[in-house]
C-alpha atoms as a PDB file:
ATOM      1  CA  MET A   1      88.903 -47.075  61.484  1.00  0.00           C
ATOM      2  CA  ARG A   2      89.816 -50.086  59.334  1.00  0.00           C
ATOM      3  CA  SER A   3      89.576 -50.791  55.650  1.00  0.00           C
ATOM      4  CA  MET A   4      87.842 -54.004  54.585  1.00  0.00           C
ATOM      5  CA  THR A   5      90.719 -54.865  52.240  1.00  0.00           C
ATOM      6  CA  GLY A   6      94.015 -56.160  53.578  1.00  0.00           C
ATOM      7  CA  TYR A   7      96.592 -58.931  53.751  1.00  0.00           C
ATOM      8  CA  GLY A   8      98.293 -60.697  56.655  1.00  0.00           C
ATOM      9  CA  ARG A   9     100.716 -63.604  56.921  1.00  0.00           C
ATOM     10  CA  ALA A  10     102.358 -65.556  59.755  1.00  0.00           C
ATOM     11  CA  HIS A  11     104.721 -68.541  59.779  1.00  0.00           C
ATOM     12  CA  TRP A  12     105.610 -71.125  62.447  1.00  0.00           C
ATOM     13  CA  GLN A  13     108.377 -73.709  62.235  1.00  0.00           C
ATOM     14  CA  ARG A  14     109.835 -76.175  64.699  1.00  0.00           C
ATOM     15  CA  ALA A  15     111.595 -79.556  64.534  1.00  0.00           C
ATOM     16  CA  GLY A  16     111.230 -79.764  60.779  1.00  0.00           C
ATOM     17  CA  ARG A  17     107.482 -79.010  60.788  1.00  0.00           C
ATOM     18  CA  SER A  18     105.910 -75.740  59.640  1.00  0.00           C
ATOM     19  CA  ILE A  19     102.554 -73.955  59.534  1.00  0.00           C
ATOM     20  CA  THR A  20     101.816 -70.887  57.407  1.00  0.00           C
ATOM     21  CA  VAL A  21      98.621 -68.801  57.586  1.00  0.00           C
ATOM     22  CA  GLU A  22      97.698 -66.207  54.960  1.00  0.00           C
ATOM     23  CA  ILE A  23      94.656 -63.929  55.171  1.00  0.00           C
ATOM     24  CA  ARG A  24      93.256 -61.827  52.330  1.00  0.00           C
ATOM     25  CA  ALA A  25      90.076 -59.752  52.279  1.00  0.00           C
ATOM     26  CA  VAL A  26      88.095 -57.658  49.806  1.00  0.00           C
ATOM     27  CA  ASN A  27      85.012 -55.466  50.100  1.00  0.00           C
ATOM     28  CA  GLN A  28      81.642 -57.012  50.823  1.00  0.00           C
ATOM     29  CA  ARG A  29      78.588 -55.673  52.600  1.00  0.00           C
ATOM     30  CA  PHE A  30      78.447 -58.555  55.086  1.00  0.00           C
ATOM     31  CA  LEU A  31      81.050 -60.900  56.580  1.00  0.00           C
ATOM     32  CA  GLU A  32      81.967 -64.071  54.684  1.00  0.00           C
ATOM     33  CA  VAL A  33      84.840 -66.259  55.908  1.00  0.00           C
ATOM     34  CA  LYS A  34      86.303 -68.926  53.614  1.00  0.00           C
ATOM     35  CA  LEU A  35      88.811 -71.422  55.051  1.00  0.00           C
ATOM     36  CA  ASN A  36      91.298 -73.382  52.927  1.00  0.00           C
ATOM     37  CA  MET A  37      93.206 -75.871  55.074  1.00  0.00           C
ATOM     38  CA  PRO A  38      94.353 -79.505  55.352  1.00  0.00           C
ATOM     39  CA  ARG A  39      91.623 -82.080  55.872  1.00  0.00           C
ATOM     40  CA  GLU A  40      93.144 -83.007  59.238  1.00  0.00           C
ATOM     41  CA  TYR A  41      92.089 -79.619  60.627  1.00  0.00           C
ATOM     42  CA  LEU A  42      88.413 -79.899  59.631  1.00  0.00           C
ATOM     43  CA  PRO A  43      87.246 -80.944  63.137  1.00  0.00           C
ATOM     44  CA  TRP A  44      88.394 -77.516  64.384  1.00  0.00           C
ATOM     45  CA  GLU A  45      86.922 -75.502  61.524  1.00  0.00           C
ATOM     46  CA  ALA A  46      84.239 -73.882  63.686  1.00  0.00           C
ATOM     47  CA  ASP A  47      86.823 -72.721  66.255  1.00  0.00           C
ATOM     48  CA  LEU A  48      89.119 -71.277  63.587  1.00  0.00           C
ATOM     49  CA  ARG A  49      86.201 -69.524  61.887  1.00  0.00           C
ATOM     50  CA  ALA A  50      85.085 -68.054  65.240  1.00  0.00           C
ATOM     51  CA  ALA A  51      88.605 -66.701  65.837  1.00  0.00           C
ATOM     52  CA  VAL A  52      88.422 -64.813  62.533  1.00  0.00           C
ATOM     53  CA  ARG A  53      84.935 -63.471  63.254  1.00  0.00           C
ATOM     54  CA  THR A  54      86.160 -62.075  66.569  1.00  0.00           C
ATOM     55  CA  ASP A  55      88.552 -59.738  64.724  1.00  0.00           C
ATOM     56  CA  VAL A  56      86.641 -59.023  61.494  1.00  0.00           C
ATOM     57  CA  ALA A  57      83.180 -57.473  61.117  1.00  0.00           C
ATOM     58  CA  ARG A  58      82.687 -57.046  57.350  1.00  0.00           C
ATOM     59  CA  GLY A  59      84.223 -58.220  54.096  1.00  0.00           C
ATOM     60  CA  LYS A  60      84.961 -61.371  52.123  1.00  0.00           C
ATOM     61  CA  VAL A  61      87.840 -63.009  54.000  1.00  0.00           C
ATOM     62  CA  ASP A  62      89.943 -65.868  52.587  1.00  0.00           C
ATOM     63  CA  VAL A  63      92.067 -67.737  55.149  1.00  0.00           C
ATOM     64  CA  SER A  64      94.619 -70.244  53.839  1.00  0.00           C
ATOM     65  CA  ILE A  65      96.457 -72.612  56.215  1.00  0.00           C
ATOM     66  CA  PHE A  66      99.433 -74.550  54.856  1.00  0.00           C
ATOM     67  CA  ARG A  67     101.051 -77.464  56.654  1.00  0.00           C
ATOM     68  CA  GLY A  68     104.570 -78.548  55.762  1.00  0.00           C
ATOM     69  CA  GLY A  69     107.722 -80.271  56.967  1.00  0.00           C
ATOM     70  CA  ALA A  70     109.813 -83.215  55.863  1.00  0.00           C
ATOM     71  CA  ASP A  71     108.996 -85.228  58.953  1.00  0.00           C
ATOM     72  CA  GLY A  72     105.413 -84.105  59.277  1.00  0.00           C
ATOM     73  CA  GLY A  73     104.238 -87.614  58.453  1.00  0.00           C
ATOM     74  CA  GLU A  74     105.205 -91.086  57.248  1.00  0.00           C
ATOM     75  CA  VAL A  75     105.007 -91.797  53.520  1.00  0.00           C
ATOM     76  CA  THR A  76     104.452 -95.397  52.355  1.00  0.00           C
ATOM     77  CA  VAL A  77     103.526 -97.111  49.103  1.00  0.00           C
ATOM     78  CA  GLU A  78     100.764 -99.700  49.301  1.00  0.00           C
ATOM     79  CA  ALA A  79     100.245-102.457  46.731  1.00  0.00           C
ATOM     80  CA  ASN A  80      96.789-103.569  45.718  1.00  0.00           C
ATOM     81  CA  VAL A  81      97.569-107.289  45.831  1.00  0.00           C
ATOM     82  CA  PRO A  82      94.029-108.597  45.162  1.00  0.00           C
ATOM     83  CA  LEU A  83      93.794-106.484  42.015  1.00  0.00           C
ATOM     84  CA  ALA A  84      97.245-107.668  40.867  1.00  0.00           C
ATOM     85  CA  ARG A  85      96.153-111.319  41.354  1.00  0.00           C
ATOM     86  CA  ALA A  86      93.064-110.600  39.281  1.00  0.00           C
ATOM     87  CA  TYR A  87      95.215-109.174  36.454  1.00  0.00           C
ATOM     88  CA  VAL A  88      97.537-112.236  36.533  1.00  0.00           C
ATOM     89  CA  ALA A  89      94.561-114.613  36.503  1.00  0.00           C
ATOM     90  CA  ALA A  90      93.065-112.756  33.545  1.00  0.00           C
ATOM     91  CA  TRP A  91      96.354-112.994  31.624  1.00  0.00           C
ATOM     92  CA  GLN A  92      96.543-116.716  32.404  1.00  0.00           C
ATOM     93  CA  ARG A  93      93.026-117.231  31.052  1.00  0.00           C
ATOM     94  CA  LEU A  94      93.949-115.384  27.886  1.00  0.00           C
ATOM     95  CA  GLN A  95      97.135-117.408  27.589  1.00  0.00           C
ATOM     96  CA  HIS A  96      95.194-120.646  27.910  1.00  0.00           C
ATOM     97  CA  ALA A  97      92.400-119.598  25.571  1.00  0.00           C
ATOM     98  CA  LEU A  98      94.802-118.417  22.846  1.00  0.00           C
ATOM     99  CA  ARG A  99      97.292-121.219  23.439  1.00  0.00           C
ATOM    100  CA  ILE A 100     100.161-118.793  24.024  1.00  0.00           C
ATOM    101  CA  SER A 101     103.289-120.206  25.591  1.00  0.00           C
ATOM    102  CA  GLY A 102     105.667-118.401  27.916  1.00  0.00           C
ATOM    103  CA  GLU A 103     105.786-116.998  31.433  1.00  0.00           C
ATOM    104  CA  ILE A 104     103.805-114.076  32.817  1.00  0.00           C
ATOM    105  CA  ASP A 105     106.289-111.615  34.377  1.00  0.00           C
ATOM    106  CA  LEU A 106     106.161-108.312  36.323  1.00  0.00           C
ATOM    107  CA  GLY A 107     106.437-106.288  33.139  1.00  0.00           C
ATOM    108  CA  LEU A 108     102.751-106.929  32.418  1.00  0.00           C
ATOM    109  CA  LEU A 109     101.781-105.170  35.662  1.00  0.00           C
ATOM    110  CA  GLN A 110     104.183-102.224  35.677  1.00  0.00           C
ATOM    111  CA  ALA A 111     101.982-100.071  33.439  1.00  0.00           C
ATOM    112  CA  ARG A 112      98.970-100.453  35.744  1.00  0.00           C
ATOM    113  CA  SER A 113      99.255 -97.387  38.025  1.00  0.00           C
ATOM    114  CA  GLU A 114      96.169 -98.384  40.017  1.00  0.00           C
ATOM    115  CA  LEU A 115      98.083-101.281  41.539  1.00  0.00           C
ATOM    116  CA  LEU A 116     100.224 -98.933  43.670  1.00  0.00           C
ATOM    117  CA  ARG A 117      99.041 -96.124  45.977  1.00  0.00           C
ATOM    118  CA  VAL A 118     101.113 -93.533  47.836  1.00  0.00           C
ATOM    119  CA  VAL A 119      99.840 -93.072  51.387  1.00  0.00           C
ATOM    120  CA  GLU A 120     100.958 -90.287  53.726  1.00  0.00           C
ATOM    121  CA  ARG A 121     100.185 -90.879  57.375  1.00  0.00           C
ATOM    122  CA  ARG A 122     100.164 -87.498  59.049  1.00  0.00           C
ATOM    123  CA  GLY A 123     101.009 -86.836  62.655  1.00  0.00           C
ATOM    124  CA  ASP A 124      98.475 -86.037  65.340  1.00  0.00           C
ATOM    125  CA  ALA A 125      96.588 -82.902  64.191  1.00  0.00           C
ATOM    126  CA  GLN A 126      95.239 -82.310  67.709  1.00  0.00           C
ATOM    127  CA  ALA A 127      98.787 -81.769  68.961  1.00  0.00           C
ATOM    128  CA  GLU A 128      99.292 -79.065  66.322  1.00  0.00           C
ATOM    129  CA  MET A 129      96.175 -77.024  67.034  1.00  0.00           C
ATOM    130  CA  ASP A 130      97.825 -74.770  69.627  1.00  0.00           C
ATOM    131  CA  SER A 131     100.448 -73.851  67.039  1.00  0.00           C
ATOM    132  CA  VAL A 132      97.814 -73.393  64.321  1.00  0.00           C
ATOM    133  CA  THR A 133      95.713 -71.124  66.549  1.00  0.00           C
ATOM    134  CA  ALA A 134      98.721 -69.058  67.633  1.00  0.00           C
ATOM    135  CA  THR A 135      99.856 -68.655  64.019  1.00  0.00           C
ATOM    136  CA  LEU A 136      96.337 -67.634  62.982  1.00  0.00           C
ATOM    137  CA  GLN A 137      96.278 -64.976  65.712  1.00  0.00           C
ATOM    138  CA  ARG A 138      99.600 -63.546  64.537  1.00  0.00           C
ATOM    139  CA  ALA A 139      98.329 -63.493  60.944  1.00  0.00           C
ATOM    140  CA  LEU A 140      95.185 -61.687  62.108  1.00  0.00           C
ATOM    141  CA  ARG A 141      97.297 -59.057  63.874  1.00  0.00           C
ATOM    142  CA  ALA A 142      99.317 -58.487  60.697  1.00  0.00           C
ATOM    143  CA  PHE A 143      96.085 -58.413  58.689  1.00  0.00           C
ATOM    144  CA  ASN A 144      94.550 -55.807  61.010  1.00  0.00           C
ATOM    145  CA  ARG A 145      97.681 -53.648  60.919  1.00  0.00           C
ATOM    146  CA  ASP A 146      97.429 -53.594  57.141  1.00  0.00           C
ATOM    147  CA  ARG A 147      93.737 -52.696  57.291  1.00  0.00           C
ATOM    148  CA  GLU A 148      94.364 -49.971  59.877  1.00  0.00           C
ATOM    149  CA  ARG A 149      97.051 -48.428  57.677  1.00  0.00           C
ATOM    150  CA  GLU A 150      94.614 -48.273  54.768  1.00  0.00           C
ATOM    151  CA  GLY A 151      91.872 -47.126  57.148  1.00  0.00           C
ATOM    152  CA  ARG A 152      93.944 -44.135  58.248  1.00  0.00           C
ATOM    153  CA  ALA A 153      94.288 -43.049  54.620  1.00  0.00           C
ATOM    154  CA  LEU A 154      90.534 -43.434  54.105  1.00  0.00           C
ATOM    155  CA  ALA A 155      89.803 -41.509  57.298  1.00  0.00           C
ATOM    156  CA  ARG A 156      91.995 -38.581  56.214  1.00  0.00           C
ATOM    157  CA  ASP A 157      90.261 -38.362  52.858  1.00  0.00           C
ATOM    158  CA  MET A 158      86.781 -38.665  54.352  1.00  0.00           C
ATOM    159  CA  ALA A 159      87.516 -36.136  57.118  1.00  0.00           C
ATOM    160  CA  ALA A 160      88.591 -33.585  54.492  1.00  0.00           C
ATOM    161  CA  ARG A 161      85.358 -34.137  52.571  1.00  0.00           C
ATOM    162  CA  ILE A 162      83.250 -33.826  55.711  1.00  0.00           C
ATOM    163  CA  ARG A 163      84.982 -30.517  56.533  1.00  0.00           C
ATOM    164  CA  ARG A 164      84.145 -29.335  53.014  1.00  0.00           C
ATOM    165  CA  LEU A 165      80.502 -30.303  53.542  1.00  0.00           C
ATOM    166  CA  GLN A 166      80.457 -28.355  56.817  1.00  0.00           C
ATOM    167  CA  GLN A 167      81.800 -25.316  54.981  1.00  0.00           C
ATOM    168  CA  LEU A 168      79.083 -25.674  52.340  1.00  0.00           C
ATOM    169  CA  GLN A 169      76.428 -26.087  55.065  1.00  0.00           C
ATOM    170  CA  ARG A 170      77.532 -22.831  56.707  1.00  0.00           C
ATOM    171  CA  ARG A 171      77.492 -20.999  53.363  1.00  0.00           C
ATOM    172  CA  VAL A 172      73.965 -22.238  52.657  1.00  0.00           C
ATOM    173  CA  ALA A 173      72.885 -21.114  56.141  1.00  0.00           C
ATOM    174  CA  GLN A 174      74.377 -17.648  55.581  1.00  0.00           C
ATOM    175  CA  ARG A 175      72.729 -17.342  52.174  1.00  0.00           C
ATOM    176  CA  ALA A 176      69.374 -18.539  53.522  1.00  0.00           C
ATOM    177  CA  ALA A 177      69.469 -15.885  56.266  1.00  0.00           C
ATOM    178  CA  LEU A 178      69.992 -13.150  53.656  1.00  0.00           C
ATOM    179  CA  LEU A 179      67.251 -14.532  51.471  1.00  0.00           C
ATOM    180  CA  THR A 180      64.486 -14.495  54.106  1.00  0.00           C
ATOM    181  CA  PRO A 181      63.470 -10.805  53.717  1.00  0.00           C
ATOM    182  CA  GLN A 182      63.961 -10.944  49.940  1.00  0.00           C
ATOM    183  CA  LEU A 183      61.866 -14.076  49.717  1.00  0.00           C
ATOM    184  CA  ALA A 184      59.106 -12.524  51.793  1.00  0.00           C
ATOM    185  CA  ALA A 185      59.036  -9.464  49.512  1.00  0.00           C
ATOM    186  CA  ARG A 186      58.909 -11.612  46.347  1.00  0.00           C
ATOM    187  CA  LEU A 187      56.162 -13.769  47.797  1.00  0.00           C
ATOM    188  CA  ARG A 188      54.157 -10.688  48.770  1.00  0.00           C
ATOM    189  CA  GLN A 189      54.355  -9.471  45.173  1.00  0.00           C
ATOM    190  CA  ARG A 190      53.322 -12.878  43.816  1.00  0.00           C
ATOM    191  CA  VAL A 191      50.362 -13.191  46.163  1.00  0.00           C
ATOM    192  CA  THR A 192      49.198  -9.690  45.306  1.00  0.00           C
ATOM    193  CA  ALA A 193      49.456 -10.428  41.578  1.00  0.00           C
ATOM    194  CA  LEU A 194      47.551 -13.685  41.965  1.00  0.00           C
ATOM    195  CA  LEU A 195      44.724 -11.937  43.825  1.00  0.00           C
ATOM    196  CA  ASP A 196      44.501  -9.467  40.928  1.00  0.00           C
ATOM    197  CA  GLY A 197      43.147  -6.604  42.960  1.00  0.00           C
ATOM    198  CA  LYS A 198      40.629  -8.651  44.912  1.00  0.00           C
ATOM    199  CA  ASP A 199      39.669  -7.285  48.263  1.00  0.00           C
ATOM    200  CA  ILE A 200      41.886  -8.783  50.984  1.00  0.00           C
ATOM    201  CA  THR A 201      43.020  -7.491  54.308  1.00  0.00           C
ATOM    202  CA  GLU A 202      46.648  -6.780  55.086  1.00  0.00           C
ATOM    203  CA  GLU A 203      46.518  -9.373  57.838  1.00  0.00           C
ATOM    204  CA  ARG A 204      45.328 -12.075  55.440  1.00  0.00           C
ATOM    205  CA  LEU A 205      48.007 -11.091  52.948  1.00  0.00           C
ATOM    206  CA  LEU A 206      50.696 -11.401  55.605  1.00  0.00           C
ATOM    207  CA  GLN A 207      49.377 -14.826  56.581  1.00  0.00           C
ATOM    208  CA  GLU A 208      49.635 -16.064  53.006  1.00  0.00           C
ATOM    209  CA  VAL A 209      53.140 -14.664  52.627  1.00  0.00           C
ATOM    210  CA  ALA A 210      54.216 -16.207  55.942  1.00  0.00           C
ATOM    211  CA  LEU A 211      52.820 -19.614  54.885  1.00  0.00           C
ATOM    212  CA  LEU A 212      54.686 -19.614  51.582  1.00  0.00           C
ATOM    213  CA  ALA A 213      57.873 -18.395  53.275  1.00  0.00           C
ATOM    214  CA  GLU A 214      57.633 -21.213  55.811  1.00  0.00           C
ATOM    215  CA  ARG A 215      57.424 -23.770  53.029  1.00  0.00           C
ATOM    216  CA  SER A 216      60.668 -22.404  51.589  1.00  0.00           C
ATOM    217  CA  ASP A 217      62.473 -22.228  54.930  1.00  0.00           C
ATOM    218  CA  VAL A 218      65.411 -24.668  55.239  1.00  0.00           C
ATOM    219  CA  THR A 219      66.381 -23.941  58.854  1.00  0.00           C
ATOM    220  CA  GLU A 220      65.366 -27.385  60.147  1.00  0.00           C
ATOM    221  CA  GLU A 221      67.174 -29.160  57.315  1.00  0.00           C
ATOM    222  CA  LEU A 222      70.335 -27.158  57.983  1.00  0.00           C
ATOM    223  CA  VAL A 223      70.215 -28.018  61.691  1.00  0.00           C
ATOM    224  CA  ARG A 224      69.802 -31.737  60.960  1.00  0.00           C
ATOM    225  CA  LEU A 225      72.531 -31.599  58.327  1.00  0.00           C
ATOM    226  CA  ASP A 226      74.938 -30.015  60.817  1.00  0.00           C
ATOM    227  CA  SER A 227      74.108 -32.734  63.359  1.00  0.00           C
ATOM    228  CA  HIS A 228      74.691 -35.537  60.848  1.00  0.00           C
ATOM    229  CA  LEU A 229      78.033 -34.080  59.749  1.00  0.00           C
ATOM    230  CA  ARG A 230      79.212 -33.840  63.354  1.00  0.00           C
ATOM    231  CA  ALA A 231      78.209 -37.472  63.893  1.00  0.00           C
ATOM    232  CA  LEU A 232      80.145 -38.510  60.775  1.00  0.00           C
ATOM    233  CA  ALA A 233      83.277 -36.720  61.992  1.00  0.00           C
ATOM    234  CA  ALA A 234      82.962 -38.440  65.386  1.00  0.00           C
ATOM    235  CA  LEU A 235      82.647 -41.877  63.743  1.00  0.00           C
ATOM    236  CA  LEU A 236      85.940 -41.418  61.931  1.00  0.00           C
ATOM    237  CA  ARG A 237      87.711 -40.915  65.240  1.00  0.00           C
ATOM    238  CA  GLY A 238      86.408 -44.175  66.746  1.00  0.00           C
ATOM    239  CA  ARG A 239      88.050 -47.615  66.711  1.00  0.00           C
ATOM    240  CA  GLU A 240      84.907 -49.740  66.375  1.00  0.00           C
ATOM    241  CA  PRO A 241      83.587 -50.985  62.984  1.00  0.00           C
ATOM    242  CA  VAL A 242      81.710 -48.008  61.516  1.00  0.00           C
ATOM    243  CA  GLY A 243      80.947 -48.971  57.910  1.00  0.00           C
ATOM    244  CA  LYS A 244      77.208 -49.593  58.354  1.00  0.00           C
ATOM    245  CA  LYS A 245      76.769 -46.451  60.470  1.00  0.00           C
ATOM    246  CA  LEU A 246      78.570 -44.414  57.813  1.00  0.00           C
ATOM    247  CA  ASP A 247      76.228 -45.784  55.155  1.00  0.00           C
ATOM    248  CA  PHE A 248      73.169 -44.779  57.185  1.00  0.00           C
ATOM    249  CA  LEU A 249      74.381 -41.275  58.070  1.00  0.00           C
ATOM    250  CA  LEU A 250      75.423 -40.529  54.495  1.00  0.00           C
ATOM    251  CA  GLN A 251      71.928 -41.460  53.337  1.00  0.00           C
ATOM    252  CA  GLU A 252      70.528 -38.954  55.829  1.00  0.00           C
ATOM    253  CA  VAL A 253      73.001 -36.258  54.741  1.00  0.00           C
ATOM    254  CA  HIS A 254      72.023 -36.823  51.104  1.00  0.00           C
ATOM    255  CA  ARG A 255      68.332 -36.600  52.007  1.00  0.00           C
ATOM    256  CA  GLU A 256      68.773 -33.233  53.777  1.00  0.00           C
ATOM    257  CA  CYS A 257      70.780 -31.790  50.883  1.00  0.00           C
ATOM    258  CA  THR A 258      68.150 -32.915  48.392  1.00  0.00           C
ATOM    259  CA  THR A 259      65.386 -31.287  50.461  1.00  0.00           C
ATOM    260  CA  ILE A 260      67.353 -28.022  50.756  1.00  0.00           C
ATOM    261  CA  ALA A 261      67.892 -27.989  46.990  1.00  0.00           C
ATOM    262  CA  SER A 262      64.183 -28.515  46.314  1.00  0.00           C
ATOM    263  CA  LYS A 263      63.027 -25.854  48.805  1.00  0.00           C
ATOM    264  CA  GLY A 264      65.706 -23.224  48.247  1.00  0.00           C
ATOM    265  CA  ALA A 265      64.481 -20.782  45.583  1.00  0.00           C
ATOM    266  CA  ASP A 266      67.951 -19.403  44.871  1.00  0.00           C
ATOM    267  CA  LEU A 267      70.617 -20.160  42.255  1.00  0.00           C
ATOM    268  CA  GLU A 268      73.519 -19.885  44.707  1.00  0.00           C
ATOM    269  CA  VAL A 269      71.888 -22.299  47.151  1.00  0.00           C
ATOM    270  CA  THR A 270      71.241 -24.706  44.270  1.00  0.00           C
ATOM    271  CA  ASN A 271      74.893 -24.579  43.188  1.00  0.00           C
ATOM    272  CA  LEU A 272      76.092 -25.125  46.752  1.00  0.00           C
ATOM    273  CA  THR A 273      73.868 -28.188  47.178  1.00  0.00           C
ATOM    274  CA  ILE A 274      75.095 -29.602  43.835  1.00  0.00           C
ATOM    275  CA  GLU A 275      78.680 -29.366  45.076  1.00  0.00           C
ATOM    276  CA  ALA A 276      77.631 -30.889  48.407  1.00  0.00           C
ATOM    277  CA  ARG A 277      75.971 -33.861  46.746  1.00  0.00           C
ATOM    278  CA  SER A 278      79.095 -34.462  44.675  1.00  0.00           C
ATOM    279  CA  GLU A 279      81.136 -34.702  47.886  1.00  0.00           C
ATOM    280  CA  ILE A 280      78.512 -37.000  49.420  1.00  0.00           C
ATOM    281  CA  GLU A 281      78.758 -39.419  46.481  1.00  0.00           C
ATOM    282  CA  LYS A 282      82.540 -39.572  46.898  1.00  0.00           C
ATOM    283  CA  LEU A 283      82.072 -40.238  50.611  1.00  0.00           C
ATOM    284  CA  ARG A 284      79.602 -43.017  49.885  1.00  0.00           C
ATOM    285  CA  GLU A 285      82.115 -44.646  47.537  1.00  0.00           C
ATOM    286  CA  GLN A 286      84.785 -44.484  50.224  1.00  0.00           C
ATOM    287  CA  ALA A 287      82.402 -45.862  52.852  1.00  0.00           C
ATOM    288  CA  GLN A 288      82.105 -49.037  50.758  1.00  0.00           C
ATOM    289  CA  ASN A 289      85.750 -49.753  51.682  1.00  0.00           C
ATOM    290  CA  VAL A 290      85.286 -49.276  55.431  1.00  0.00           C
ATOM    291  CA  GLU A 291      84.735 -52.167  57.872  1.00  0.00           C
END
């Protein structure tokens, strides 16, 4: 089991050139991949995004690719000659119009930053893609190791809470078995009091008692609850993304506990289900961190 949060980094360097890939992720219900990389790599964005999606199922994932190296490209400074000519011509017109003597020199143009432009001609990005892809894969492996480490901690905590829920389920089942004859006796008294001495056969009375007892019976809910808890424990032992399945099963577990609480006419059963629902809420919070 993996956490959705994690960090991974990988670095490649050769012949003065370098590539660094960093991956960060936080919780999110669905998968969102954001790529920050040099413009030269944009033609391969879809391939890089697909590589991330192969390894990640849920979460907000930020992938940053940095390209460096002293000889990674040729740096030149280009002069905007037409614009410079236009400036000189404008100064000459002013000089003529205002009858100003003297020579126009380079000092008039030095303050105009738009006349010069730094241009970096990068190397062939296609030739770097094998290195970029390999570095991304190594970063993903580091990222997944980090998520698996956190996932193991989550799994231990969740497994302990599931075991506690199984203990509570067994205690409710034991209490419900003891309550059945008591409940039948109480219901018999209530039905008799409601009839207020009206003529009714013993068979009819037993039918009414049996009907009310059936409505209070939680056997089916306990069986389903046990099944859901076993399924949850099995999910924690798997290696596939389980976050969405955990969400669904915990909803079902909560539903069964709520039904047991509403049907169980006993203070001890009520207290046990309150404790169970507290554990379920903690599990649901933890499940929000699971891929």
